[in-house]
Amino acid sequence: MAWVPGGTFVAGSDAHHPEEGPARPVTVAGFWADRTPVTNEQFRRFVRESGYVTVAERTVRPGTPAGSAVFVDPAEAAANGSNGTNGSPGATGATGTPASPWWVRVAGADWRHPRGPQSSLRGCEDHPVVHVAWDDAVAFAGWAGRALPTEAEWERAARGGLDGAAYAWGDERTPGGRHVANVWQGVFPDRNDCVDGHRFTSPVYAFPPNGYGLRDVVGNVWEWTASRVPAGPWPAAPGCDDVGAAAPARGPWRRDGAAHIAKGGSHLCAPGTCGRFRPAARLALPPDATTSHLGFRCIVRS
């Protein structure tokens, strides 16, 4: 873990998406933060020692098989027809709020099978765990003697001491022409040029740390926080994060109540589409949402 000093900083942004404002001073006490998102290997140890079964591995309601939301680019979807990723059986649409066509709910997709039942974690032990619901993240944190950060704590950590900067490393998206986070390059969702070397998730040490020694605070995977969505309207977030009806049907969707805030963007965030790979960016999700680009990290308060 790395130490994140306490202090007052400007959270949020008035220069980007409406749900990020208003920019506001926030004060937090110092705490220890995981240097990386929780990895598949770390989560595997937790499951092995505790016997825990994740939300995506359960039947969440009668008639709804276990499974999770998986990103499928249009070319992949066309190649595999309506059967989902990698020819995996059980991929279906969902009723309710229309999902973006690139999100498919796949029966058998879970943290062990991130792309569907025929996929595995082989070679991805040091990638962030995905397909974890909020309860799954809380369960891991309790087992590890840690906690989920609040949104303010998460943003303080992600900024790395660069108060007011657009990104975790400064104001340039690609400083010196270098890609310093796992995000989408190309035309979303049709073409990912993978200039950063990664089509999906990447190893948690693949990119440089921020000023506090934390990695992957933006890009790679969205990260759950302990904070709930505030009362009032929450603007829709079309683009790579618009999992819509591909998420479980239980619970509110981008509304008050049980919805929680996720931070940091993911490998699916494209500059011209959502651009949410910034510390100020936020996403509202029902606590039982599980997707192929959603993980978490933990903290320890002093």
Protein backbone atom coordinates (compact mmCIF):
# COMPACT_ATOMS: atom_id res chain seq x y z
CA MET A 1 0.00 0.00 0.00
CA ALA A 2 1.02 3.64 -0.39
CA TRP A 3 0.38 6.57 1.93
CA VAL A 4 -2.05 9.24 0.73
CA PRO A 5 -1.62 12.41 2.80
CA GLY A 6 -4.67 14.15 4.16
CA GLY A 7 -5.62 17.67 3.17
CA THR A 8 -8.05 19.84 1.27
CA PHE A 9 -8.27 19.59 -2.52
CA VAL A 10 -10.67 20.58 -5.30
CA ALA A 11 -12.85 17.58 -6.19
CA GLY A 12 -14.91 17.31 -9.35
CA SER A 13 -14.74 19.44 -12.47
CA ASP A 14 -16.74 22.19 -14.15
CA ALA A 15 -14.97 21.66 -17.48
CA HIS A 16 -16.15 18.19 -18.47
CA HIS A 17 -19.34 16.17 -17.91
CA PRO A 18 -22.22 17.75 -15.96
CA GLU A 19 -22.37 15.08 -13.25
CA GLU A 20 -18.79 15.95 -12.26
CA GLY A 21 -19.68 19.46 -11.07
CA PRO A 22 -19.60 21.64 -9.28
CA ALA A 23 -15.89 21.67 -8.55
CA ARG A 24 -15.73 21.90 -4.77
CA PRO A 25 -13.20 21.91 -1.91
CA VAL A 26 -13.11 18.64 0.02
CA THR A 27 -11.02 17.69 3.05
CA VAL A 28 -9.97 14.13 3.86
CA ALA A 29 -7.72 12.58 6.49
CA GLY A 30 -4.64 10.64 5.43
CA PHE A 31 -4.95 6.92 4.67
CA TRP A 32 -3.19 3.96 3.06
CA ALA A 33 -4.32 2.90 -0.43
CA ASP A 34 -3.67 -0.21 -2.49
CA ARG A 35 -1.02 0.59 -5.06
CA THR A 36 -3.07 -1.21 -7.72
CA PRO A 37 -6.62 -2.43 -8.26
CA VAL A 38 -7.25 -5.82 -6.66
CA THR A 39 -5.91 -8.46 -9.05
CA ASN A 40 -7.30 -11.79 -10.18
CA GLU A 41 -4.67 -13.61 -8.12
CA GLN A 42 -5.54 -11.66 -4.97
CA PHE A 43 -9.25 -12.26 -5.49
CA ARG A 44 -8.63 -15.95 -6.17
CA ARG A 45 -6.91 -16.29 -2.79
CA PHE A 46 -9.86 -14.58 -1.11
CA VAL A 47 -12.34 -16.97 -2.75
CA ARG A 48 -10.18 -20.01 -1.99
CA GLU A 49 -9.84 -19.13 1.70
CA SER A 50 -13.37 -17.83 2.31
CA GLY A 51 -15.52 -19.90 -0.05
CA TYR A 52 -17.19 -16.72 -1.25
CA VAL A 53 -19.47 -16.85 -4.31
CA THR A 54 -19.77 -13.63 -6.30
CA VAL A 55 -23.03 -12.04 -7.46
CA ALA A 56 -22.30 -12.88 -11.11
CA GLU A 57 -22.00 -16.55 -10.17
CA ARG A 58 -25.42 -16.63 -8.51
CA THR A 59 -28.94 -16.67 -9.91
CA VAL A 60 -29.97 -13.13 -9.04
CA ARG A 61 -33.68 -13.66 -9.63
CA PRO A 62 -35.96 -16.49 -10.83
CA GLY A 63 -35.55 -17.13 -14.53
CA THR A 64 -32.33 -15.11 -14.77
CA PRO A 65 -29.21 -17.29 -15.10
CA ALA A 66 -25.93 -16.33 -13.51
CA GLY A 67 -23.81 -14.14 -15.75
CA SER A 68 -22.50 -10.66 -16.34
CA ALA A 69 -22.21 -7.84 -18.89
CA VAL A 70 -19.41 -8.28 -21.44
CA PHE A 71 -18.20 -5.72 -23.97
CA VAL A 72 -18.43 -7.02 -27.55
CA ASP A 73 -17.20 -4.79 -30.36
CA PRO A 74 -19.40 -4.71 -33.49
CA ALA A 75 -16.97 -6.78 -35.59
CA GLU A 76 -16.84 -9.48 -32.94
CA ALA A 77 -20.61 -9.47 -32.56
CA ALA A 78 -21.08 -9.83 -36.33
CA ALA A 79 -18.60 -12.70 -36.50
CA ASN A 80 -20.31 -14.59 -33.68
CA GLY A 81 -23.92 -13.81 -34.52
CA SER A 82 -26.25 -13.57 -31.54
CA ASN A 83 -24.33 -16.04 -29.38
CA GLY A 84 -22.10 -13.45 -27.76
CA THR A 85 -18.38 -13.46 -27.17
CA ASN A 86 -16.05 -16.09 -28.55
CA GLY A 87 -19.04 -18.13 -29.66
CA SER A 88 -20.04 -18.54 -26.02
CA PRO A 89 -23.59 -19.81 -25.55
CA GLY A 90 -26.03 -17.96 -23.38
CA ALA A 91 -25.39 -14.36 -24.37
CA THR A 92 -28.68 -12.53 -24.46
CA GLY A 93 -30.15 -9.10 -24.66
CA ALA A 94 -32.10 -7.79 -21.69
CA THR A 95 -35.43 -6.18 -21.07
CA GLY A 96 -35.91 -2.73 -19.59
CA THR A 97 -33.60 0.18 -20.35
CA PRO A 98 -32.12 -0.33 -23.85
CA ALA A 99 -28.48 -1.35 -23.65
CA SER A 100 -25.79 -0.11 -25.97
CA PRO A 101 -25.34 -2.74 -28.69
CA TRP A 102 -21.74 -3.37 -27.60
CA TRP A 103 -22.83 -4.65 -24.17
CA VAL A 104 -24.13 -8.20 -23.97
CA ARG A 105 -25.21 -10.09 -20.88
CA VAL A 106 -23.39 -13.42 -21.06
CA ALA A 107 -24.46 -16.46 -19.03
CA GLY A 108 -21.33 -17.90 -17.46
CA ALA A 109 -19.31 -14.70 -17.55
CA ASP A 110 -17.81 -14.01 -14.12
CA TRP A 111 -14.50 -13.13 -12.49
CA ARG A 112 -13.03 -16.52 -13.44
CA HIS A 113 -14.34 -16.28 -17.02
CA PRO A 114 -14.04 -12.59 -17.98
CA ARG A 115 -15.02 -12.99 -21.65
CA GLY A 116 -17.57 -15.78 -21.17
CA PRO A 117 -17.65 -19.43 -20.08
CA GLN A 118 -14.98 -20.53 -22.57
CA SER A 119 -12.46 -17.94 -21.36
CA SER A 120 -10.13 -18.19 -18.35
CA LEU A 121 -7.65 -16.23 -16.26
CA ARG A 122 -4.61 -17.95 -17.74
CA GLY A 123 -1.96 -15.30 -18.27
CA CYS A 124 -4.13 -12.66 -16.58
CA GLU A 125 -3.32 -13.34 -12.92
CA ASP A 126 -1.85 -9.83 -12.55
CA HIS A 127 -4.78 -8.11 -14.29
CA PRO A 128 -7.50 -6.40 -12.21
CA VAL A 129 -10.39 -8.64 -11.22
CA VAL A 130 -13.63 -7.76 -13.05
CA HIS A 131 -17.29 -8.81 -12.93
CA VAL A 132 -17.40 -7.90 -9.23
CA ALA A 133 -20.51 -6.33 -7.71
CA TRP A 134 -20.36 -3.79 -4.91
CA ASP A 135 -21.14 -6.50 -2.33
CA ASP A 136 -18.28 -8.60 -3.71
CA ALA A 137 -15.85 -5.72 -3.27
CA VAL A 138 -17.07 -5.08 0.28
CA ALA A 139 -16.72 -8.78 1.12
CA PHE A 140 -13.13 -8.84 -0.11
CA ALA A 141 -12.31 -5.66 1.79
CA GLY A 142 -13.71 -7.12 5.03
CA TRP A 143 -11.73 -10.33 4.57
CA ALA A 144 -8.55 -8.32 3.95
CA GLY A 145 -9.10 -6.01 6.94
CA ARG A 146 -9.55 -3.04 4.64
CA ALA A 147 -12.36 -0.87 3.28
CA LEU A 148 -13.60 0.69 0.08
CA PRO A 149 -12.64 4.35 -0.26
CA THR A 150 -15.24 7.08 -0.32
CA GLU A 151 -15.42 9.01 -3.57
CA ALA A 152 -13.49 11.87 -1.95
CA GLU A 153 -10.76 9.54 -0.67
CA TRP A 154 -10.52 7.84 -4.05
CA GLU A 155 -10.22 11.13 -5.92
CA ARG A 156 -7.64 12.48 -3.46
CA ALA A 157 -5.55 9.35 -4.04
CA ALA A 158 -6.00 9.39 -7.82
CA ARG A 159 -4.87 13.00 -8.20
CA GLY A 160 -1.49 12.14 -6.71
CA GLY A 161 -1.00 15.67 -5.41
CA LEU A 162 -1.82 17.37 -8.74
CA ASP A 163 -4.78 19.38 -7.51
CA GLY A 164 -6.79 20.78 -10.42
CA ALA A 165 -5.07 18.79 -13.18
CA ALA A 166 -7.30 17.12 -15.75
CA TYR A 167 -5.53 13.75 -15.55
CA ALA A 168 -3.72 11.81 -12.85
CA TRP A 169 -0.39 12.80 -14.44
CA GLY A 170 -1.12 16.41 -15.52
CA ASP A 171 -3.08 18.24 -18.19
CA GLU A 172 -1.79 16.51 -21.35
CA ARG A 173 -3.66 13.36 -22.37
CA THR A 174 -0.55 11.77 -23.87
CA PRO A 175 2.47 13.54 -22.34
CA GLY A 176 5.36 13.53 -24.78
CA GLY A 177 3.25 11.39 -27.10
CA ARG A 178 3.25 8.48 -24.62
CA HIS A 179 0.18 6.51 -23.57
CA VAL A 180 0.29 6.38 -19.78
CA ALA A 181 -3.03 4.60 -19.13
CA ASN A 182 -4.97 1.72 -20.66
CA VAL A 183 -7.73 3.46 -22.61
CA TRP A 184 -9.30 3.16 -26.07
CA GLN A 185 -7.40 4.43 -29.10
CA GLY A 186 -9.31 4.64 -32.37
CA VAL A 187 -12.98 5.06 -33.25
CA PHE A 188 -15.21 3.69 -30.48
CA PRO A 189 -16.75 1.12 -30.65
CA ASP A 190 -15.75 0.04 -34.15
CA ARG A 191 -11.97 0.09 -34.00
CA ASN A 192 -9.48 -0.11 -31.16
CA ASP A 193 -6.01 0.56 -32.55
CA CYS A 194 -4.43 -0.75 -29.29
CA VAL A 195 -1.58 1.75 -29.54
CA ASP A 196 -1.02 1.23 -25.80
CA GLY A 197 -0.60 -2.50 -26.44
CA HIS A 198 -3.82 -3.69 -24.78
CA ARG A 199 -7.22 -4.58 -26.20
CA PHE A 200 -8.87 -5.49 -22.90
CA THR A 201 -7.51 -5.22 -19.35
CA SER A 202 -3.77 -4.92 -18.77
CA PRO A 203 -1.37 -5.97 -15.99
CA VAL A 204 -1.69 -3.58 -13.06
CA TYR A 205 1.98 -2.57 -13.28
CA ALA A 206 1.94 -1.87 -17.04
CA PHE A 207 1.75 1.92 -16.70
CA PRO A 208 3.61 4.49 -14.56
CA PRO A 209 2.40 5.37 -11.04
CA ASN A 210 0.99 8.74 -10.08
CA GLY A 211 2.54 11.11 -7.57
CA TYR A 212 1.48 8.95 -4.61
CA GLY A 213 2.83 5.74 -6.14
CA LEU A 214 -0.59 4.42 -7.23
CA ARG A 215 -1.12 2.71 -10.58
CA ASP A 216 -4.15 2.37 -12.83
CA VAL A 217 -6.08 5.07 -10.97
CA VAL A 218 -7.53 5.93 -14.37
CA GLY A 219 -8.11 3.57 -17.26
CA ASN A 220 -7.99 -0.23 -17.17
CA VAL A 221 -11.10 -0.72 -14.97
CA TRP A 222 -13.70 1.42 -13.24
CA GLU A 223 -13.40 1.15 -9.45
CA TRP A 224 -16.19 0.91 -6.90
CA THR A 225 -16.31 3.40 -4.03
CA ALA A 226 -18.24 3.38 -0.77
CA SER A 227 -20.15 6.53 -1.76
CA ARG A 228 -23.77 6.51 -2.86
CA VAL A 229 -25.19 8.59 -5.66
CA PRO A 230 -26.46 11.93 -4.34
CA ALA A 231 -30.12 12.85 -4.58
CA GLY A 232 -31.26 14.61 -7.74
CA PRO A 233 -30.94 14.00 -11.47
CA TRP A 234 -27.89 12.13 -12.72
CA PRO A 235 -27.13 12.71 -16.41
CA ALA A 236 -26.94 9.69 -18.68
CA ALA A 237 -23.43 8.66 -19.69
CA PRO A 238 -23.56 7.36 -23.27
CA GLY A 239 -20.47 5.64 -24.54
CA CYS A 240 -18.17 2.95 -23.27
CA ASP A 241 -19.69 3.01 -19.78
CA ASP A 242 -23.32 2.80 -20.90
CA VAL A 243 -23.94 -0.82 -19.92
CA GLY A 244 -27.68 -0.13 -19.65
CA ALA A 245 -29.90 -3.19 -19.53
CA ALA A 246 -26.95 -5.56 -19.85
CA ALA A 247 -26.49 -5.00 -16.12
CA PRO A 248 -28.65 -6.98 -13.66
CA ALA A 249 -32.24 -5.81 -13.55
CA ARG A 250 -32.39 -5.56 -9.76
CA GLY A 251 -31.82 -2.15 -8.22
CA PRO A 252 -31.95 1.39 -9.60
CA TRP A 253 -30.07 2.46 -12.71
CA ARG A 254 -28.41 5.87 -12.48
CA ARG A 255 -30.78 6.99 -9.78
CA ASP A 256 -30.74 7.82 -6.10
CA GLY A 257 -31.01 5.19 -3.40
CA ALA A 258 -28.86 2.11 -3.60
CA ALA A 259 -26.73 3.23 -6.56
CA HIS A 260 -23.04 3.69 -5.84
CA ILE A 261 -20.33 5.74 -7.50
CA ALA A 262 -17.52 4.17 -9.51
CA LYS A 263 -14.43 6.15 -10.49
CA GLY A 264 -11.54 6.26 -12.91
CA GLY A 265 -12.80 5.14 -16.30
CA SER A 266 -11.61 2.00 -18.06
CA HIS A 267 -9.86 0.51 -21.08
CA LEU A 268 -13.08 1.20 -23.00
CA CYS A 269 -13.01 4.97 -22.45
CA ALA A 270 -12.32 6.78 -25.72
CA PRO A 271 -11.26 10.44 -25.84
CA GLY A 272 -13.88 11.39 -28.41
CA THR A 273 -16.74 9.43 -26.85
CA CYS A 274 -16.74 9.66 -23.07
CA GLY A 275 -13.25 10.74 -22.02
CA ARG A 276 -13.86 9.59 -18.45
CA PHE A 277 -10.32 8.43 -17.70
CA ARG A 278 -9.84 11.33 -15.28
CA PRO A 279 -9.92 11.61 -11.46
CA ALA A 280 -13.04 13.83 -11.54
CA ALA A 281 -15.08 11.42 -13.68
CA ARG A 282 -17.82 9.42 -11.99
CA LEU A 283 -20.29 6.72 -12.92
CA ALA A 284 -23.48 5.70 -11.10
CA LEU A 285 -24.13 1.97 -10.89
CA PRO A 286 -26.62 -0.25 -9.05
CA PRO A 287 -24.77 -2.28 -6.42
CA ASP A 288 -25.39 -5.57 -8.23
CA ALA A 289 -23.96 -4.33 -11.54
CA THR A 290 -21.16 -6.56 -12.82
CA THR A 291 -19.26 -5.90 -16.03
CA SER A 292 -16.06 -6.80 -17.85
CA HIS A 293 -14.57 -3.36 -17.06
CA LEU A 294 -15.46 -2.90 -13.39
CA GLY A 295 -13.16 -3.66 -10.42
CA PHE A 296 -12.01 -1.99 -7.19
CA ARG A 297 -9.15 -1.20 -4.82
CA CYS A 298 -9.08 -0.94 -1.03
CA ILE A 299 -7.79 1.45 1.61
CA VAL A 300 -6.85 1.39 5.29
CA ARG A 301 -7.68 4.46 7.32
CA SER A 302 -5.11 5.55 9.88
